[in-house]
């Protein structure tokens, strides 16, 4: 983890701590509760004018709900498949790792459903293998997303989510990566 990523995670933790203090002062019960989860998703990689490449990824998450409206979440994942494209003589894309830290804001819709938004910082390492060369890329950037949690049981939730994990704008490389996923979360 580089210095910039650590600063972003420290800023998120500070923001979450201050939000918790505001909610406590307003009379909301703290109710901190931990959760674990996993998801499988379609990783959509688009670089410049090239065609989209979509390998599958798996992500493990761990989080703490500070109250019914705010949670802190960490995620780590890896690629489950390699995707190939014919453009420019062809290359394949393999996700080695993806990780991030997020502040999660929940909006309860009913006793069984809630919408949420994510804001945080993600890092990504992937390999592009061309016909005559390999390229390993490691990048990080602010990230955001949103989703829907559905309570299946008292301690089990199903979630559907879209997230923009990374957006890079450089003169030599311009790409973004989105994930559309489905997963389960176990409340501890």
N, C-alpha and C. Protein backbone atom coordinates (compact mmCIF):
# COMPACT_ATOMS: atom_id res chain seq x y z
N UNK A 1 0.85 -1.17 0.00
CA UNK A 1 0.00 0.00 0.00
C UNK A 1 0.89 1.23 0.00
N UNK A 2 0.66 2.13 -0.93
CA UNK A 2 1.53 3.30 -1.01
C UNK A 2 1.06 4.39 -0.05
N UNK A 3 1.83 5.45 0.04
CA UNK A 3 1.58 6.54 0.98
C UNK A 3 0.25 7.24 0.70
N UNK A 4 -0.05 7.47 -0.57
CA UNK A 4 -1.30 8.14 -0.94
C UNK A 4 -2.52 7.31 -0.52
N UNK A 5 -2.47 6.00 -0.71
CA UNK A 5 -3.57 5.12 -0.30
C UNK A 5 -3.76 5.17 1.21
N UNK A 6 -2.66 5.13 1.96
CA UNK A 6 -2.76 5.19 3.42
C UNK A 6 -3.38 6.51 3.89
N UNK A 7 -3.03 7.61 3.24
CA UNK A 7 -3.63 8.91 3.60
C UNK A 7 -5.13 8.92 3.35
N UNK A 8 -5.56 8.36 2.21
CA UNK A 8 -7.00 8.30 1.91
C UNK A 8 -7.73 7.44 2.95
N UNK A 9 -7.16 6.28 3.30
CA UNK A 9 -7.81 5.42 4.30
C UNK A 9 -7.86 6.11 5.66
N UNK A 10 -6.82 6.82 6.04
CA UNK A 10 -6.83 7.55 7.31
C UNK A 10 -7.89 8.65 7.29
N UNK A 11 -8.04 9.33 6.16
CA UNK A 11 -9.08 10.37 6.04
C UNK A 11 -10.48 9.76 6.16
N UNK A 12 -10.69 8.58 5.55
CA UNK A 12 -11.99 7.91 5.66
C UNK A 12 -12.30 7.50 7.10
N UNK A 13 -11.31 6.96 7.78
CA UNK A 13 -11.51 6.55 9.17
C UNK A 13 -11.81 7.76 10.05
N UNK A 14 -11.12 8.88 9.82
CA UNK A 14 -11.38 10.11 10.59
C UNK A 14 -12.78 10.62 10.33
N UNK A 15 -13.21 10.58 9.07
CA UNK A 15 -14.57 11.02 8.73
C UNK A 15 -15.62 10.12 9.39
N UNK A 16 -15.38 8.82 9.36
CA UNK A 16 -16.32 7.89 9.98
C UNK A 16 -16.41 8.12 11.49
N UNK A 17 -15.27 8.36 12.12
CA UNK A 17 -15.27 8.62 13.57
C UNK A 17 -16.04 9.90 13.89
N UNK A 18 -15.86 10.93 13.09
CA UNK A 18 -16.59 12.18 13.34
C UNK A 18 -18.08 12.01 13.08
N UNK A 19 -18.45 11.22 12.06
CA UNK A 19 -19.88 10.95 11.82
C UNK A 19 -20.49 10.21 13.00
N UNK A 20 -19.75 9.27 13.57
CA UNK A 20 -20.24 8.53 14.72
C UNK A 20 -20.49 9.47 15.89
N UNK A 21 -19.60 10.42 16.11
CA UNK A 21 -19.78 11.38 17.20
C UNK A 21 -21.02 12.25 16.97
N UNK A 22 -21.24 12.65 15.74
CA UNK A 22 -22.43 13.47 15.43
C UNK A 22 -23.71 12.68 15.68
N UNK A 23 -23.74 11.39 15.21
CA UNK A 23 -24.93 10.57 15.44
C UNK A 23 -25.16 10.29 16.92
N UNK A 24 -24.10 10.08 17.67
CA UNK A 24 -24.24 9.84 19.11
C UNK A 24 -24.79 11.08 19.80
N UNK A 25 -24.32 12.27 19.41
CA UNK A 25 -24.80 13.51 20.01
C UNK A 25 -26.27 13.76 19.66
N UNK A 26 -26.71 13.25 18.51
CA UNK A 26 -28.11 13.44 18.09
C UNK A 26 -29.04 12.42 18.73
N UNK A 27 -28.51 11.50 19.51
CA UNK A 27 -29.35 10.54 20.21
C UNK A 27 -29.53 9.21 19.50
N UNK A 28 -28.84 8.98 18.37
CA UNK A 28 -28.94 7.69 17.70
C UNK A 28 -28.15 6.66 18.50
N UNK A 29 -28.70 5.46 18.69
CA UNK A 29 -27.93 4.43 19.38
C UNK A 29 -26.76 3.98 18.53
N UNK A 30 -25.58 3.77 19.12
CA UNK A 30 -24.41 3.43 18.33
C UNK A 30 -24.53 2.09 17.61
N UNK A 31 -25.03 1.07 18.24
CA UNK A 31 -25.23 -0.26 17.67
C UNK A 31 -24.12 -0.71 16.72
N UNK A 32 -22.85 -0.65 17.12
CA UNK A 32 -21.84 -1.14 16.19
C UNK A 32 -21.99 -2.65 16.01
N UNK A 33 -21.95 -3.10 14.78
CA UNK A 33 -22.03 -4.53 14.51
C UNK A 33 -21.15 -4.85 13.31
N UNK A 34 -20.44 -5.96 13.42
CA UNK A 34 -19.53 -6.38 12.37
C UNK A 34 -20.25 -7.26 11.36
N UNK A 35 -19.70 -7.32 10.15
CA UNK A 35 -20.24 -8.21 9.14
C UNK A 35 -19.12 -8.67 8.20
N UNK A 36 -19.36 -9.83 7.59
CA UNK A 36 -18.46 -10.41 6.59
C UNK A 36 -19.28 -10.71 5.35
N UNK A 37 -18.65 -10.69 4.22
CA UNK A 37 -19.40 -11.00 3.01
C UNK A 37 -18.51 -11.34 1.85
N UNK A 38 -19.15 -11.73 0.79
CA UNK A 38 -18.45 -12.04 -0.43
C UNK A 38 -19.34 -11.75 -1.62
N UNK A 39 -18.71 -11.48 -2.75
CA UNK A 39 -19.50 -11.22 -3.95
C UNK A 39 -18.73 -11.69 -5.18
N UNK A 40 -19.49 -11.91 -6.23
CA UNK A 40 -18.95 -12.28 -7.53
C UNK A 40 -19.44 -11.22 -8.49
N UNK A 41 -18.53 -10.75 -9.34
CA UNK A 41 -18.94 -9.67 -10.22
C UNK A 41 -18.30 -9.70 -11.58
N UNK A 42 -18.83 -8.86 -12.43
CA UNK A 42 -18.32 -8.65 -13.77
C UNK A 42 -17.49 -7.38 -13.76
N UNK A 43 -16.20 -7.51 -13.99
CA UNK A 43 -15.26 -6.39 -13.96
C UNK A 43 -15.20 -5.82 -15.37
N UNK A 44 -15.65 -4.61 -15.55
CA UNK A 44 -15.72 -3.99 -16.88
C UNK A 44 -14.56 -3.01 -17.05
N UNK A 45 -13.59 -3.38 -17.89
CA UNK A 45 -12.39 -2.59 -18.12
C UNK A 45 -12.46 -1.95 -19.49
N UNK A 46 -12.38 -0.61 -19.54
CA UNK A 46 -12.42 0.11 -20.81
C UNK A 46 -11.22 1.05 -20.85
N UNK A 47 -10.38 0.88 -21.88
CA UNK A 47 -9.18 1.69 -22.04
C UNK A 47 -9.26 2.46 -23.34
N UNK A 48 -9.35 3.79 -23.24
CA UNK A 48 -9.40 4.64 -24.44
C UNK A 48 -10.50 4.24 -25.38
N UNK A 49 -10.14 4.04 -26.66
CA UNK A 49 -11.11 3.64 -27.68
C UNK A 49 -11.17 2.13 -27.88
N UNK A 50 -10.52 1.38 -27.02
CA UNK A 50 -10.49 -0.06 -27.18
C UNK A 50 -11.82 -0.68 -26.75
N UNK A 51 -12.03 -1.91 -27.19
CA UNK A 51 -13.26 -2.58 -26.79
C UNK A 51 -13.21 -2.97 -25.31
N UNK A 52 -14.38 -3.12 -24.72
CA UNK A 52 -14.49 -3.47 -23.31
C UNK A 52 -14.05 -4.91 -23.09
N UNK A 53 -13.32 -5.12 -21.99
CA UNK A 53 -12.90 -6.45 -21.58
C UNK A 53 -13.51 -6.69 -20.20
N UNK A 54 -14.10 -7.88 -19.99
CA UNK A 54 -14.88 -8.10 -18.76
C UNK A 54 -14.56 -9.42 -18.07
N UNK A 55 -13.40 -9.52 -17.40
CA UNK A 55 -13.16 -10.73 -16.61
C UNK A 55 -14.03 -10.74 -15.35
N UNK A 56 -14.22 -11.90 -14.78
CA UNK A 56 -15.00 -12.05 -13.55
C UNK A 56 -14.06 -11.89 -12.35
N UNK A 57 -14.60 -11.32 -11.25
CA UNK A 57 -13.81 -11.19 -10.03
C UNK A 57 -14.60 -11.69 -8.83
N UNK A 58 -13.88 -12.06 -7.79
CA UNK A 58 -14.46 -12.41 -6.50
C UNK A 58 -13.91 -11.47 -5.45
N UNK A 59 -14.78 -11.01 -4.56
CA UNK A 59 -14.37 -10.02 -3.55
C UNK A 59 -14.84 -10.48 -2.17
N UNK A 60 -13.95 -10.38 -1.19
CA UNK A 60 -14.29 -10.61 0.22
C UNK A 60 -14.37 -9.25 0.90
N UNK A 61 -15.37 -9.05 1.75
CA UNK A 61 -15.52 -7.78 2.45
C UNK A 61 -15.68 -8.01 3.95
N UNK A 62 -15.21 -7.05 4.72
CA UNK A 62 -15.40 -7.04 6.16
C UNK A 62 -15.75 -5.60 6.53
N UNK A 63 -16.71 -5.46 7.42
CA UNK A 63 -17.13 -4.11 7.77
C UNK A 63 -17.68 -4.02 9.17
N UNK A 64 -17.88 -2.77 9.59
CA UNK A 64 -18.49 -2.48 10.89
C UNK A 64 -19.54 -1.41 10.66
N UNK A 65 -20.79 -1.74 10.99
CA UNK A 65 -21.86 -0.75 10.94
C UNK A 65 -21.80 0.04 12.24
N UNK A 66 -21.50 1.33 12.12
CA UNK A 66 -21.39 2.17 13.31
C UNK A 66 -22.76 2.52 13.87
N UNK A 67 -23.75 2.57 13.01
CA UNK A 67 -25.15 2.77 13.36
C UNK A 67 -25.96 2.34 12.14
N UNK A 68 -27.27 2.46 12.15
CA UNK A 68 -28.05 2.00 10.99
C UNK A 68 -27.76 2.76 9.69
N UNK A 69 -27.05 3.87 9.76
CA UNK A 69 -26.86 4.72 8.58
C UNK A 69 -25.42 4.80 8.07
N UNK A 70 -24.44 4.48 8.88
CA UNK A 70 -23.03 4.63 8.51
C UNK A 70 -22.26 3.34 8.83
N UNK A 71 -21.42 2.91 7.88
CA UNK A 71 -20.55 1.76 8.09
C UNK A 71 -19.18 2.05 7.48
N UNK A 72 -18.17 1.36 7.97
CA UNK A 72 -16.82 1.38 7.41
C UNK A 72 -16.58 -0.02 6.86
N UNK A 73 -16.03 -0.09 5.64
CA UNK A 73 -15.88 -1.39 5.00
C UNK A 73 -14.54 -1.49 4.30
N UNK A 74 -13.92 -2.67 4.39
CA UNK A 74 -12.70 -2.97 3.66
C UNK A 74 -12.95 -4.16 2.75
N UNK A 75 -12.32 -4.15 1.59
CA UNK A 75 -12.53 -5.22 0.61
C UNK A 75 -11.20 -5.64 0.00
N UNK A 76 -11.14 -6.92 -0.36
CA UNK A 76 -10.00 -7.45 -1.09
C UNK A 76 -10.53 -8.52 -2.05
N UNK A 77 -9.99 -8.53 -3.25
CA UNK A 77 -10.49 -9.49 -4.23
C UNK A 77 -9.44 -9.85 -5.26
N UNK A 78 -9.83 -10.76 -6.14
CA UNK A 78 -8.94 -11.23 -7.19
C UNK A 78 -9.76 -11.64 -8.40
N UNK A 79 -9.08 -11.78 -9.52
CA UNK A 79 -9.75 -12.23 -10.73
C UNK A 79 -10.09 -13.71 -10.68
N UNK A 80 -11.23 -14.07 -11.26
CA UNK A 80 -11.64 -15.47 -11.34
C UNK A 80 -11.52 -16.00 -12.76
N UNK A 81 -11.36 -15.10 -13.72
CA UNK A 81 -11.21 -15.50 -15.12
C UNK A 81 -10.31 -14.50 -15.84
N UNK A 82 -9.86 -14.89 -17.00
CA UNK A 82 -9.07 -14.02 -17.87
C UNK A 82 -9.92 -13.74 -19.10
N UNK A 83 -9.93 -12.49 -19.54
CA UNK A 83 -10.73 -12.11 -20.70
C UNK A 83 -9.80 -11.75 -21.85
N UNK A 84 -10.18 -12.12 -23.06
CA UNK A 84 -9.36 -11.89 -24.25
C UNK A 84 -10.07 -10.95 -25.21
N UNK A 85 -9.32 -10.06 -25.87
CA UNK A 85 -9.85 -9.19 -26.90
C UNK A 85 -9.00 -9.31 -28.16
N UNK A 86 -9.62 -9.12 -29.31
CA UNK A 86 -8.93 -9.23 -30.60
C UNK A 86 -8.27 -7.93 -31.03
N UNK A 87 -8.61 -6.83 -30.37
CA UNK A 87 -8.11 -5.52 -30.79
C UNK A 87 -6.59 -5.43 -30.71
N UNK A 88 -5.98 -4.75 -31.65
CA UNK A 88 -4.53 -4.52 -31.70
C UNK A 88 -3.74 -5.83 -31.67
N UNK A 89 -4.23 -6.83 -32.37
CA UNK A 89 -3.54 -8.10 -32.41
C UNK A 89 -3.89 -8.99 -31.23
N UNK A 90 -4.72 -8.49 -30.34
CA UNK A 90 -5.20 -9.29 -29.22
C UNK A 90 -4.37 -9.15 -27.96
N UNK A 91 -5.05 -9.14 -26.85
CA UNK A 91 -4.40 -9.20 -25.54
C UNK A 91 -5.39 -9.78 -24.55
N UNK A 92 -4.87 -10.35 -23.48
CA UNK A 92 -5.76 -10.82 -22.44
C UNK A 92 -5.54 -10.00 -21.17
N UNK A 93 -6.56 -9.96 -20.34
CA UNK A 93 -6.54 -9.16 -19.11
C UNK A 93 -6.83 -10.08 -17.93
N UNK A 94 -5.95 -10.05 -16.95
CA UNK A 94 -6.13 -10.84 -15.72
C UNK A 94 -6.00 -9.92 -14.53
N UNK A 95 -6.99 -9.94 -13.64
CA UNK A 95 -6.96 -9.15 -12.42
C UNK A 95 -6.19 -9.93 -11.36
N UNK A 96 -5.08 -9.38 -10.89
CA UNK A 96 -4.30 -10.02 -9.83
C UNK A 96 -4.90 -9.70 -8.46
N UNK A 97 -5.19 -8.42 -8.22
CA UNK A 97 -5.76 -8.05 -6.92
C UNK A 97 -6.49 -6.72 -7.04
N UNK A 98 -7.47 -6.58 -6.19
CA UNK A 98 -8.20 -5.32 -6.04
C UNK A 98 -8.51 -5.18 -4.55
N UNK A 99 -8.30 -3.99 -3.99
CA UNK A 99 -8.62 -3.79 -2.59
C UNK A 99 -8.98 -2.33 -2.37
N UNK A 100 -9.67 -2.08 -1.26
CA UNK A 100 -10.06 -0.71 -0.97
C UNK A 100 -10.70 -0.56 0.39
N UNK A 101 -10.85 0.69 0.80
CA UNK A 101 -11.53 1.05 2.04
C UNK A 101 -12.63 2.05 1.71
N UNK A 102 -13.79 1.89 2.34
CA UNK A 102 -14.96 2.68 1.97
C UNK A 102 -15.75 3.14 3.19
N UNK A 103 -16.39 4.25 3.03
CA UNK A 103 -17.41 4.72 3.94
C UNK A 103 -18.73 4.40 3.26
N UNK A 104 -19.62 3.73 3.97
CA UNK A 104 -20.88 3.27 3.39
C UNK A 104 -22.04 3.97 4.09
N UNK A 105 -22.85 4.66 3.31
CA UNK A 105 -24.03 5.34 3.84
C UNK A 105 -25.29 4.59 3.45
N UNK A 106 -26.11 4.20 4.44
CA UNK A 106 -27.33 3.42 4.21
C UNK A 106 -28.57 4.28 4.31
N UNK A 107 -29.54 4.01 3.44
CA UNK A 107 -30.85 4.65 3.51
C UNK A 107 -31.87 3.52 3.60
N UNK A 108 -32.39 3.22 4.80
CA UNK A 108 -33.38 2.15 4.94
C UNK A 108 -34.67 2.51 4.18
N UNK A 109 -35.15 1.58 3.35
CA UNK A 109 -36.40 1.77 2.62
C UNK A 109 -37.56 1.10 3.32
N UNK A 110 -37.27 -0.03 3.96
CA UNK A 110 -38.28 -0.82 4.66
C UNK A 110 -37.52 -1.75 5.61
N UNK A 111 -38.24 -2.56 6.39
CA UNK A 111 -37.52 -3.49 7.27
C UNK A 111 -36.68 -4.53 6.51
N UNK A 112 -36.94 -4.73 5.22
CA UNK A 112 -36.19 -5.75 4.48
C UNK A 112 -35.25 -5.19 3.41
N UNK A 113 -35.29 -3.90 3.12
CA UNK A 113 -34.46 -3.38 2.04
C UNK A 113 -33.86 -2.02 2.39
N UNK A 114 -32.66 -1.79 1.89
CA UNK A 114 -32.02 -0.47 2.03
C UNK A 114 -31.12 -0.20 0.84
N UNK A 115 -31.08 1.07 0.45
CA UNK A 115 -30.15 1.53 -0.57
C UNK A 115 -28.89 1.99 0.13
N UNK A 116 -27.75 1.90 -0.56
CA UNK A 116 -26.53 2.41 0.04
C UNK A 116 -25.64 3.04 -1.02
N UNK A 117 -24.78 3.92 -0.55
CA UNK A 117 -23.77 4.54 -1.38
C UNK A 117 -22.41 4.28 -0.77
N UNK A 118 -21.40 4.17 -1.60
CA UNK A 118 -20.03 3.94 -1.17
C UNK A 118 -19.13 5.08 -1.65
N UNK A 119 -18.22 5.49 -0.82
CA UNK A 119 -17.19 6.44 -1.22
C UNK A 119 -15.90 5.99 -0.54
N UNK A 120 -14.82 5.95 -1.29
CA UNK A 120 -13.57 5.49 -0.69
C UNK A 120 -12.41 5.56 -1.64
N UNK A 121 -11.50 4.63 -1.45
CA UNK A 121 -10.28 4.60 -2.23
C UNK A 121 -9.96 3.15 -2.57
N UNK A 122 -9.64 2.88 -3.84
CA UNK A 122 -9.36 1.53 -4.30
C UNK A 122 -8.00 1.45 -4.96
N UNK A 123 -7.43 0.26 -4.95
CA UNK A 123 -6.19 -0.02 -5.66
C UNK A 123 -6.39 -1.29 -6.46
N UNK A 124 -5.66 -1.39 -7.55
CA UNK A 124 -5.86 -2.47 -8.50
C UNK A 124 -4.52 -2.88 -9.09
N UNK A 125 -4.32 -4.18 -9.24
CA UNK A 125 -3.15 -4.70 -9.94
C UNK A 125 -3.65 -5.70 -10.98
N UNK A 126 -3.27 -5.48 -12.23
CA UNK A 126 -3.70 -6.40 -13.27
C UNK A 126 -2.59 -6.59 -14.29
N UNK A 127 -2.75 -7.63 -15.13
CA UNK A 127 -1.78 -7.95 -16.17
C UNK A 127 -2.46 -7.93 -17.53
N UNK A 128 -1.83 -7.24 -18.46
CA UNK A 128 -2.25 -7.30 -19.85
C UNK A 128 -1.16 -8.05 -20.60
N UNK A 129 -1.56 -9.11 -21.29
CA UNK A 129 -0.61 -9.92 -22.03
C UNK A 129 -0.88 -9.74 -23.52
N UNK A 130 0.07 -9.09 -24.21
CA UNK A 130 -0.02 -8.87 -25.64
C UNK A 130 0.73 -10.00 -26.35
N UNK A 131 0.66 -10.03 -27.67
CA UNK A 131 1.31 -11.10 -28.43
C UNK A 131 2.82 -11.15 -28.17
N UNK A 132 3.47 -9.95 -28.01
CA UNK A 132 4.93 -9.94 -27.86
C UNK A 132 5.42 -9.34 -26.55
N UNK A 133 4.52 -8.98 -25.67
CA UNK A 133 4.95 -8.36 -24.41
C UNK A 133 3.87 -8.52 -23.34
N UNK A 134 4.32 -8.49 -22.11
CA UNK A 134 3.41 -8.49 -20.96
C UNK A 134 3.54 -7.15 -20.25
N UNK A 135 2.44 -6.70 -19.66
CA UNK A 135 2.45 -5.44 -18.93
C UNK A 135 1.71 -5.64 -17.62
N UNK A 136 2.37 -5.32 -16.51
CA UNK A 136 1.72 -5.35 -15.20
C UNK A 136 1.46 -3.92 -14.78
N UNK A 137 0.22 -3.65 -14.38
CA UNK A 137 -0.19 -2.30 -14.02
C UNK A 137 -0.70 -2.30 -12.59
N UNK A 138 -0.24 -1.35 -11.80
CA UNK A 138 -0.74 -1.15 -10.44
C UNK A 138 -1.15 0.32 -10.32
N UNK A 139 -2.41 0.56 -9.99
CA UNK A 139 -2.94 1.91 -9.88
C UNK A 139 -3.88 2.01 -8.69
N UNK A 140 -4.13 3.25 -8.26
CA UNK A 140 -5.12 3.50 -7.21
C UNK A 140 -5.79 4.82 -7.50
N UNK A 141 -7.02 4.96 -7.00
CA UNK A 141 -7.77 6.21 -7.20
C UNK A 141 -8.98 6.23 -6.28
N UNK A 142 -9.60 7.40 -6.11
CA UNK A 142 -10.87 7.45 -5.39
C UNK A 142 -11.90 6.59 -6.11
N UNK A 143 -12.83 6.04 -5.37
CA UNK A 143 -13.85 5.18 -5.95
C UNK A 143 -15.20 5.47 -5.31
N UNK A 144 -16.27 5.06 -6.00
CA UNK A 144 -17.62 5.29 -5.50
C UNK A 144 -18.54 4.22 -6.08
N UNK A 145 -19.71 4.10 -5.51
CA UNK A 145 -20.68 3.13 -6.01
C UNK A 145 -21.96 3.19 -5.22
N UNK A 146 -22.84 2.26 -5.52
CA UNK A 146 -24.11 2.18 -4.82
C UNK A 146 -24.73 0.82 -5.01
N UNK A 147 -25.71 0.52 -4.17
CA UNK A 147 -26.33 -0.78 -4.28
C UNK A 147 -27.59 -0.90 -3.46
N UNK A 148 -28.08 -2.12 -3.41
CA UNK A 148 -29.30 -2.46 -2.69
C UNK A 148 -29.03 -3.67 -1.82
N UNK A 149 -29.33 -3.56 -0.53
CA UNK A 149 -29.26 -4.69 0.41
C UNK A 149 -30.66 -5.21 0.65
N UNK A 150 -30.85 -6.53 0.57
CA UNK A 150 -32.13 -7.16 0.86
C UNK A 150 -31.93 -8.17 1.99
N UNK A 151 -32.68 -8.03 3.06
CA UNK A 151 -32.58 -8.97 4.19
C UNK A 151 -33.25 -10.28 3.81
N UNK A 152 -32.46 -11.35 3.77
CA UNK A 152 -32.97 -12.68 3.46
C UNK A 152 -33.39 -13.39 4.75
N UNK A 153 -32.58 -13.23 5.77
CA UNK A 153 -32.84 -13.74 7.12
C UNK A 153 -32.38 -12.68 8.10
N UNK A 154 -32.54 -12.97 9.37
CA UNK A 154 -32.17 -11.99 10.39
C UNK A 154 -30.70 -11.58 10.31
N UNK A 155 -29.83 -12.52 9.95
CA UNK A 155 -28.40 -12.21 9.90
C UNK A 155 -27.77 -12.44 8.51
N UNK A 156 -28.59 -12.45 7.47
CA UNK A 156 -28.10 -12.69 6.12
C UNK A 156 -28.73 -11.70 5.14
N UNK A 157 -27.88 -11.05 4.34
CA UNK A 157 -28.36 -10.09 3.34
C UNK A 157 -27.83 -10.45 1.96
N UNK A 158 -28.67 -10.22 0.97
CA UNK A 158 -28.30 -10.32 -0.42
C UNK A 158 -28.05 -8.91 -0.92
N UNK A 159 -26.99 -8.70 -1.68
CA UNK A 159 -26.79 -7.34 -2.19
C UNK A 159 -26.46 -7.34 -3.67
N UNK A 160 -26.93 -6.29 -4.33
CA UNK A 160 -26.65 -6.01 -5.74
C UNK A 160 -25.94 -4.67 -5.76
N UNK A 161 -24.85 -4.57 -6.54
CA UNK A 161 -24.04 -3.36 -6.45
C UNK A 161 -23.37 -3.02 -7.77
N UNK A 162 -23.24 -1.72 -8.02
CA UNK A 162 -22.40 -1.18 -9.09
C UNK A 162 -21.38 -0.27 -8.43
N UNK A 163 -20.12 -0.34 -8.89
CA UNK A 163 -19.08 0.54 -8.34
C UNK A 163 -18.09 0.92 -9.43
N UNK A 164 -17.65 2.16 -9.40
CA UNK A 164 -16.54 2.62 -10.24
C UNK A 164 -15.30 2.50 -9.36
N UNK A 165 -14.53 1.43 -9.56
CA UNK A 165 -13.39 1.16 -8.70
C UNK A 165 -12.20 2.05 -8.99
N UNK A 166 -11.99 2.36 -10.25
CA UNK A 166 -10.79 3.11 -10.57
C UNK A 166 -11.02 3.92 -11.84
N UNK A 167 -10.42 5.09 -11.87
CA UNK A 167 -10.45 5.96 -13.05
C UNK A 167 -9.08 6.59 -13.17
N UNK A 168 -8.40 6.30 -14.27
CA UNK A 168 -7.05 6.79 -14.50
C UNK A 168 -7.04 7.62 -15.78
N UNK A 169 -6.55 8.85 -15.67
CA UNK A 169 -6.40 9.75 -16.82
C UNK A 169 -4.95 10.20 -16.90
N UNK A 170 -4.17 9.48 -17.69
CA UNK A 170 -2.78 9.85 -17.93
C UNK A 170 -2.57 9.95 -19.43
N UNK A 171 -1.53 10.63 -19.84
CA UNK A 171 -1.27 10.75 -21.27
C UNK A 171 -0.91 9.40 -21.89
N UNK A 172 -0.23 8.53 -21.13
CA UNK A 172 0.17 7.24 -21.66
C UNK A 172 -0.83 6.12 -21.38
N UNK A 173 -1.80 6.35 -20.52
CA UNK A 173 -2.79 5.32 -20.19
C UNK A 173 -4.05 6.00 -19.66
N UNK A 174 -5.17 5.67 -20.23
CA UNK A 174 -6.46 6.25 -19.85
C UNK A 174 -7.46 5.11 -19.78
N UNK A 175 -7.94 4.80 -18.57
CA UNK A 175 -8.92 3.72 -18.46
C UNK A 175 -9.78 3.91 -17.22
N UNK A 176 -10.88 3.17 -17.18
CA UNK A 176 -11.68 3.08 -15.97
C UNK A 176 -12.17 1.64 -15.83
N UNK A 177 -12.49 1.28 -14.61
CA UNK A 177 -12.93 -0.08 -14.31
C UNK A 177 -14.15 -0.02 -13.40
N UNK A 178 -15.22 -0.63 -13.84
CA UNK A 178 -16.47 -0.72 -13.08
C UNK A 178 -16.73 -2.17 -12.72
N UNK A 179 -17.48 -2.38 -11.65
CA UNK A 179 -17.86 -3.73 -11.26
C UNK A 179 -19.37 -3.76 -11.00
N UNK A 180 -20.03 -4.73 -11.59
CA UNK A 180 -21.43 -5.02 -11.31
C UNK A 180 -21.44 -6.38 -10.63
N UNK A 181 -21.96 -6.44 -9.39
CA UNK A 181 -21.80 -7.67 -8.62
C UNK A 181 -23.06 -8.03 -7.84
N UNK A 182 -23.07 -9.29 -7.42
CA UNK A 182 -24.11 -9.82 -6.53
C UNK A 182 -23.37 -10.54 -5.41
N UNK A 183 -23.87 -10.42 -4.18
CA UNK A 183 -23.17 -11.04 -3.07
C UNK A 183 -24.05 -11.30 -1.87
N UNK A 184 -23.43 -11.89 -0.86
CA UNK A 184 -24.09 -12.16 0.42
C UNK A 184 -23.27 -11.54 1.54
N UNK A 185 -23.96 -11.04 2.55
CA UNK A 185 -23.32 -10.45 3.72
C UNK A 185 -23.91 -11.13 4.96
N UNK A 186 -23.01 -11.61 5.84
CA UNK A 186 -23.41 -12.24 7.10
C UNK A 186 -23.17 -11.26 8.23
N UNK A 187 -24.23 -10.95 8.97
CA UNK A 187 -24.11 -10.06 10.13
C UNK A 187 -23.65 -10.90 11.31
N UNK A 188 -22.61 -10.46 12.00
CA UNK A 188 -22.06 -11.25 13.12
C UNK A 188 -22.70 -10.84 14.43
